[in-house]
């Protein structure tokens, strides 16, 4: 369990840990706004990363654990990320910590990092929600240049949260250290028209695509 202190009181979040034998890094993987840690996409991603040597920790934000469908205040999610980092660093001391998340979960990680509430060795965004669909004027990017750690944006070229794609490219160019990995024809959950695959397979393939970048940036050889 991960204890989190919120203004209304403390909560304890259940976790799912996909252990890697002799892990060389640990990844905390947060869910999107509309699904919890049990979603097959996240399970597939976690299994792919753990098989590659990254212990992976999945958790629900407090609103989800309480049975609510809509996210709570961003401050609650940021406090949760701080608690998750502390949990992960205690679980596997001395190895790099990566903050990752699907959509909303990744955006909350970036805000926590920009505010200095977490200090991950890298961040990985699985479908960063650049703006609400059809509203590119409401960009969620002002904080990204304040993130010190390397950032990887895994993004579909047909994602309605990213149109026009040049807006994400401009946001990444303004960051200190960031890269984009494009998925041709993929939408927000990395589904591709005419290619029906189970969500866990899509999650595993998406996470696996990030492995070369992760190995270059954070993974340390096992002792």
Foldseek 3Di string as FASTA:
>chain_A
DFWFADPVGIDDWDKDKLAAVLAQEEEEEAEALADACPALLNVLLQNLVSPVRYIYMGIYQPCVVVPHRGDDDLVSLLRVVLRVQVVRCVVPPPHFYEYEYQAVSQLSVQVSQLVVSDQGQEYEYQQHQQDPQPCNVRGSQPSQQSRDHEYEYEHEPAESSCPPVVVVVVSQVSHPHYDYDYDYQAYSLGDHPPDDDDSSVSSNVSSVVCVVVCCVRGGDDRD
